[in-house]
């Protein structure tokens, strides 16, 4: 029961924070969802098999699948940032395409961080390994650098 209340509180808090500034539709990007969740689920199944999805929620002996899911989600966010960089650079002549490319990068990172928080907060037995913490920092840095570069390009294009 505590886990359900805690999980609901996490989701509600994230949703309310998103709703403060803009329409919630701004936080939904289908390519980002497919990239992060598809790559994460694919990595989980490839490494641990189809039973790993059920194993995530059984509360016992699930550290391996949780680490795989989180690390793959963070790596997927980095991949999304690189894909967005290619999209941005291939459309430099079209300033209107800079925003969507930045959104793919930022939203992919947001989705990966949400997976990180939910996986480790939802399971009391899961411990955050140093490799996941380092990968989280690297993902945030890559995404942040991409955002700064995109912002500079957008300012230059004006």
C-alpha atoms as a PDB file:
ATOM      1  CA  UNK A   1       0.000   0.000   0.000  1.00  0.00           C
ATOM      2  CA  UNK A   2       2.837   2.385   0.844  1.00  0.00           C
ATOM      3  CA  UNK A   3       4.381   1.790  -2.581  1.00  0.00           C
ATOM      4  CA  UNK A   4       1.133   2.580  -4.374  1.00  0.00           C
ATOM      5  CA  UNK A   5       0.669   5.826  -2.435  1.00  0.00           C
ATOM      6  CA  UNK A   6       4.310   6.771  -2.973  1.00  0.00           C
ATOM      7  CA  UNK A   7       4.176   5.978  -6.680  1.00  0.00           C
ATOM      8  CA  UNK A   8       0.945   7.976  -7.081  1.00  0.00           C
ATOM      9  CA  UNK A   9       2.496  10.917  -5.232  1.00  0.00           C
ATOM     10  CA  UNK A  10       5.533  10.854  -7.532  1.00  0.00           C
ATOM     11  CA  UNK A  11       3.377  10.818 -10.673  1.00  0.00           C
ATOM     12  CA  UNK A  12       1.023  13.527  -9.374  1.00  0.00           C
ATOM     13  CA  UNK A  13       3.954  15.747  -8.334  1.00  0.00           C
ATOM     14  CA  UNK A  14       5.637  15.427 -11.721  1.00  0.00           C
ATOM     15  CA  UNK A  15       2.334  16.088 -13.507  1.00  0.00           C
ATOM     16  CA  UNK A  16       1.584  19.149 -11.388  1.00  0.00           C
ATOM     17  CA  UNK A  17       5.067  20.553 -11.943  1.00  0.00           C
ATOM     18  CA  UNK A  18       4.629  20.092 -15.679  1.00  0.00           C
ATOM     19  CA  UNK A  19       1.218  21.748 -15.664  1.00  0.00           C
ATOM     20  CA  UNK A  20       2.465  24.891 -13.917  1.00  0.00           C
ATOM     21  CA  UNK A  21       4.020  26.560 -16.930  1.00  0.00           C
ATOM     22  CA  UNK A  22       2.567  25.165 -20.123  1.00  0.00           C
ATOM     23  CA  UNK A  23      -0.018  22.875 -21.608  1.00  0.00           C
ATOM     24  CA  UNK A  24       0.675  19.224 -20.719  1.00  0.00           C
ATOM     25  CA  UNK A  25       0.749  18.360 -24.439  1.00  0.00           C
ATOM     26  CA  UNK A  26       4.116  20.119 -24.603  1.00  0.00           C
ATOM     27  CA  UNK A  27       5.551  17.270 -22.508  1.00  0.00           C
ATOM     28  CA  UNK A  28       4.443  14.515 -24.871  1.00  0.00           C
ATOM     29  CA  UNK A  29       6.640  13.745 -27.846  1.00  0.00           C
ATOM     30  CA  UNK A  30       5.978  10.432 -29.572  1.00  0.00           C
ATOM     31  CA  UNK A  31       9.493   9.992 -31.065  1.00  0.00           C
ATOM     32  CA  UNK A  32      11.021  10.628 -27.633  1.00  0.00           C
ATOM     33  CA  UNK A  33       8.643   8.172 -25.961  1.00  0.00           C
ATOM     34  CA  UNK A  34       9.375   5.512 -28.564  1.00  0.00           C
ATOM     35  CA  UNK A  35      13.105   6.094 -28.357  1.00  0.00           C
ATOM     36  CA  UNK A  36      13.430   6.030 -24.565  1.00  0.00           C
ATOM     37  CA  UNK A  37      10.799   3.447 -23.649  1.00  0.00           C
ATOM     38  CA  UNK A  38      11.389   1.258 -26.723  1.00  0.00           C
ATOM     39  CA  UNK A  39      15.162   1.154 -26.300  1.00  0.00           C
ATOM     40  CA  UNK A  40      14.828   0.648 -22.528  1.00  0.00           C
ATOM     41  CA  UNK A  41      12.372  -2.214 -22.859  1.00  0.00           C
ATOM     42  CA  UNK A  42      14.414  -3.743 -25.687  1.00  0.00           C
ATOM     43  CA  UNK A  43      17.589  -3.585 -23.607  1.00  0.00           C
ATOM     44  CA  UNK A  44      15.829  -5.115 -20.616  1.00  0.00           C
ATOM     45  CA  UNK A  45      14.433  -8.014 -22.653  1.00  0.00           C
ATOM     46  CA  UNK A  46      17.693  -8.548 -24.558  1.00  0.00           C
ATOM     47  CA  UNK A  47      19.706  -8.781 -21.344  1.00  0.00           C
ATOM     48  CA  UNK A  48      17.303 -10.533 -18.968  1.00  0.00           C
ATOM     49  CA  UNK A  49      14.592 -12.097 -21.144  1.00  0.00           C
ATOM     50  CA  UNK A  50      10.839 -11.534 -21.247  1.00  0.00           C
ATOM     51  CA  UNK A  51      10.422 -12.523 -17.592  1.00  0.00           C
ATOM     52  CA  UNK A  52      12.403  -9.454 -16.534  1.00  0.00           C
ATOM     53  CA  UNK A  53       9.393  -7.181 -16.984  1.00  0.00           C
ATOM     54  CA  UNK A  54       7.501  -9.189 -14.347  1.00  0.00           C
ATOM     55  CA  UNK A  55      10.655  -9.461 -12.243  1.00  0.00           C
ATOM     56  CA  UNK A  56      10.846  -5.645 -12.041  1.00  0.00           C
ATOM     57  CA  UNK A  57       7.708  -5.614  -9.928  1.00  0.00           C
ATOM     58  CA  UNK A  58       8.183  -8.697  -7.755  1.00  0.00           C
ATOM     59  CA  UNK A  59      10.322  -6.834  -5.219  1.00  0.00           C
ATOM     60  CA  UNK A  60      12.928  -9.567  -4.898  1.00  0.00           C
ATOM     61  CA  UNK A  61      16.067 -10.208  -6.888  1.00  0.00           C
ATOM     62  CA  UNK A  62      15.308  -7.374  -9.282  1.00  0.00           C
ATOM     63  CA  UNK A  63      18.412  -5.198  -8.882  1.00  0.00           C
ATOM     64  CA  UNK A  64      19.843  -6.428 -12.206  1.00  0.00           C
ATOM     65  CA  UNK A  65      16.727  -5.713 -14.286  1.00  0.00           C
ATOM     66  CA  UNK A  66      16.241  -2.327 -12.599  1.00  0.00           C
ATOM     67  CA  UNK A  67      19.845  -1.314 -13.273  1.00  0.00           C
ATOM     68  CA  UNK A  68      19.543  -2.468 -16.889  1.00  0.00           C
ATOM     69  CA  UNK A  69      16.280  -0.571 -17.420  1.00  0.00           C
ATOM     70  CA  UNK A  70      17.609   2.643 -15.861  1.00  0.00           C
ATOM     71  CA  UNK A  71      20.989   2.553 -17.593  1.00  0.00           C
ATOM     72  CA  UNK A  72      19.417   1.752 -20.949  1.00  0.00           C
ATOM     73  CA  UNK A  73      16.920   4.614 -20.522  1.00  0.00           C
ATOM     74  CA  UNK A  74      19.746   7.040 -19.766  1.00  0.00           C
ATOM     75  CA  UNK A  75      21.737   5.805 -22.768  1.00  0.00           C
ATOM     76  CA  UNK A  76      18.598   6.129 -24.912  1.00  0.00           C
ATOM     77  CA  UNK A  77      18.343   9.768 -23.848  1.00  0.00           C
ATOM     78  CA  UNK A  78      21.917  10.332 -25.013  1.00  0.00           C
ATOM     79  CA  UNK A  79      21.083   8.636 -28.328  1.00  0.00           C
ATOM     80  CA  UNK A  80      18.012  10.880 -28.640  1.00  0.00           C
ATOM     81  CA  UNK A  81      20.190  13.943 -28.056  1.00  0.00           C
ATOM     82  CA  UNK A  82      22.533  12.809 -30.822  1.00  0.00           C
ATOM     83  CA  UNK A  83      19.616  12.159 -33.185  1.00  0.00           C
ATOM     84  CA  UNK A  84      18.236  15.607 -32.323  1.00  0.00           C
ATOM     85  CA  UNK A  85      21.658  17.116 -33.029  1.00  0.00           C
ATOM     86  CA  UNK A  86      21.665  15.584 -36.499  1.00  0.00           C
ATOM     87  CA  UNK A  87      18.125  16.883 -37.066  1.00  0.00           C
ATOM     88  CA  UNK A  88      19.125  20.337 -35.852  1.00  0.00           C
ATOM     89  CA  UNK A  89      22.271  20.527 -37.959  1.00  0.00           C
ATOM     90  CA  UNK A  90      20.553  19.222 -41.079  1.00  0.00           C
ATOM     91  CA  UNK A  91      17.895  21.950 -40.798  1.00  0.00           C
ATOM     92  CA  UNK A  92      20.016  24.986 -39.978  1.00  0.00           C
ATOM     93  CA  UNK A  93      18.357  26.901 -42.791  1.00  0.00           C
ATOM     94  CA  UNK A  94      14.974  26.476 -41.113  1.00  0.00           C
ATOM     95  CA  UNK A  95      14.827  28.196 -37.701  1.00  0.00           C
ATOM     96  CA  UNK A  96      11.354  26.767 -37.020  1.00  0.00           C
ATOM     97  CA  UNK A  97      12.871  23.259 -36.806  1.00  0.00           C
ATOM     98  CA  UNK A  98      15.269  24.149 -33.979  1.00  0.00           C
ATOM     99  CA  UNK A  99      12.570  24.024 -31.284  1.00  0.00           C
ATOM    100  CA  UNK A 100      11.307  20.521 -32.129  1.00  0.00           C
ATOM    101  CA  UNK A 101      14.880  19.182 -32.202  1.00  0.00           C
ATOM    102  CA  UNK A 102      15.555  20.687 -28.774  1.00  0.00           C
ATOM    103  CA  UNK A 103      12.263  19.252 -27.503  1.00  0.00           C
ATOM    104  CA  UNK A 104      13.231  15.718 -28.572  1.00  0.00           C
ATOM    105  CA  UNK A 105      16.477  16.012 -26.645  1.00  0.00           C
ATOM    106  CA  UNK A 106      14.994  17.548 -23.520  1.00  0.00           C
ATOM    107  CA  UNK A 107      11.907  15.328 -23.365  1.00  0.00           C
ATOM    108  CA  UNK A 108      13.964  12.175 -23.901  1.00  0.00           C
ATOM    109  CA  UNK A 109      16.150  13.193 -20.990  1.00  0.00           C
ATOM    110  CA  UNK A 110      13.065  13.961 -18.904  1.00  0.00           C
ATOM    111  CA  UNK A 111      11.553  10.538 -19.637  1.00  0.00           C
ATOM    112  CA  UNK A 112      14.836   8.799 -18.758  1.00  0.00           C
ATOM    113  CA  UNK A 113      15.130  10.711 -15.476  1.00  0.00           C
ATOM    114  CA  UNK A 114      11.516   9.804 -14.630  1.00  0.00           C
ATOM    115  CA  UNK A 115      12.375   6.120 -15.227  1.00  0.00           C
ATOM    116  CA  UNK A 116      15.431   6.568 -12.990  1.00  0.00           C
ATOM    117  CA  UNK A 117      13.397   8.124 -10.170  1.00  0.00           C
ATOM    118  CA  UNK A 118      10.478   5.708 -10.399  1.00  0.00           C
ATOM    119  CA  UNK A 119      12.658   2.581 -10.573  1.00  0.00           C
ATOM    120  CA  UNK A 120      14.789   3.463  -7.576  1.00  0.00           C
ATOM    121  CA  UNK A 121      12.102   5.184  -5.507  1.00  0.00           C
ATOM    122  CA  UNK A 122       9.485   2.503  -6.091  1.00  0.00           C
ATOM    123  CA  UNK A 123      11.660  -0.390  -4.984  1.00  0.00           C
ATOM    124  CA  UNK A 124      13.014  -0.217  -1.452  1.00  0.00           C
ATOM    125  CA  UNK A 125      15.504  -3.024  -2.122  1.00  0.00           C
ATOM    126  CA  UNK A 126      17.090  -1.350  -5.141  1.00  0.00           C
ATOM    127  CA  UNK A 127      20.325   0.483  -4.596  1.00  0.00           C
ATOM    128  CA  UNK A 128      21.642   3.150  -6.951  1.00  0.00           C
ATOM    129  CA  UNK A 129      24.996   1.907  -8.240  1.00  0.00           C
ATOM    130  CA  UNK A 130      27.778   4.402  -8.891  1.00  0.00           C
ATOM    131  CA  UNK A 131      27.656   3.577 -12.615  1.00  0.00           C
ATOM    132  CA  UNK A 132      23.993   4.653 -12.803  1.00  0.00           C
ATOM    133  CA  UNK A 133      24.695   7.877 -10.915  1.00  0.00           C
ATOM    134  CA  UNK A 134      27.602   8.683 -13.246  1.00  0.00           C
ATOM    135  CA  UNK A 135      25.481   7.853 -16.284  1.00  0.00           C
ATOM    136  CA  UNK A 136      22.713  10.133 -14.978  1.00  0.00           C
ATOM    137  CA  UNK A 137      25.182  13.009 -14.640  1.00  0.00           C
ATOM    138  CA  UNK A 138      26.583  12.320 -18.122  1.00  0.00           C
ATOM    139  CA  UNK A 139      23.075  12.254 -19.615  1.00  0.00           C
ATOM    140  CA  UNK A 140      22.183  15.558 -17.997  1.00  0.00           C
ATOM    141  CA  UNK A 141      25.445  17.105 -19.197  1.00  0.00           C
ATOM    142  CA  UNK A 142      24.993  15.911 -22.791  1.00  0.00           C
ATOM    143  CA  UNK A 143      21.401  17.109 -22.852  1.00  0.00           C
ATOM    144  CA  UNK A 144      22.325  20.436 -21.258  1.00  0.00           C
ATOM    145  CA  UNK A 145      25.177  21.033 -23.680  1.00  0.00           C
ATOM    146  CA  UNK A 146      22.888  20.243 -26.590  1.00  0.00           C
ATOM    147  CA  UNK A 147      20.325  22.693 -25.261  1.00  0.00           C
ATOM    148  CA  UNK A 148      22.936  25.438 -24.862  1.00  0.00           C
ATOM    149  CA  UNK A 149      24.269  24.807 -28.388  1.00  0.00           C
ATOM    150  CA  UNK A 150      20.734  24.882 -29.795  1.00  0.00           C
ATOM    151  CA  UNK A 151      19.994  28.107 -27.961  1.00  0.00           C
ATOM    152  CA  UNK A 152      23.157  29.720 -29.320  1.00  0.00           C
ATOM    153  CA  UNK A 153      22.310  28.566 -32.846  1.00  0.00           C
ATOM    154  CA  UNK A 154      18.766  29.921 -32.478  1.00  0.00           C
ATOM    155  CA  UNK A 155      20.094  33.291 -31.308  1.00  0.00           C
ATOM    156  CA  UNK A 156      22.541  33.387 -34.208  1.00  0.00           C
ATOM    157  CA  UNK A 157      19.761  32.561 -36.697  1.00  0.00           C
ATOM    158  CA  UNK A 158      17.703  35.614 -35.682  1.00  0.00           C
END
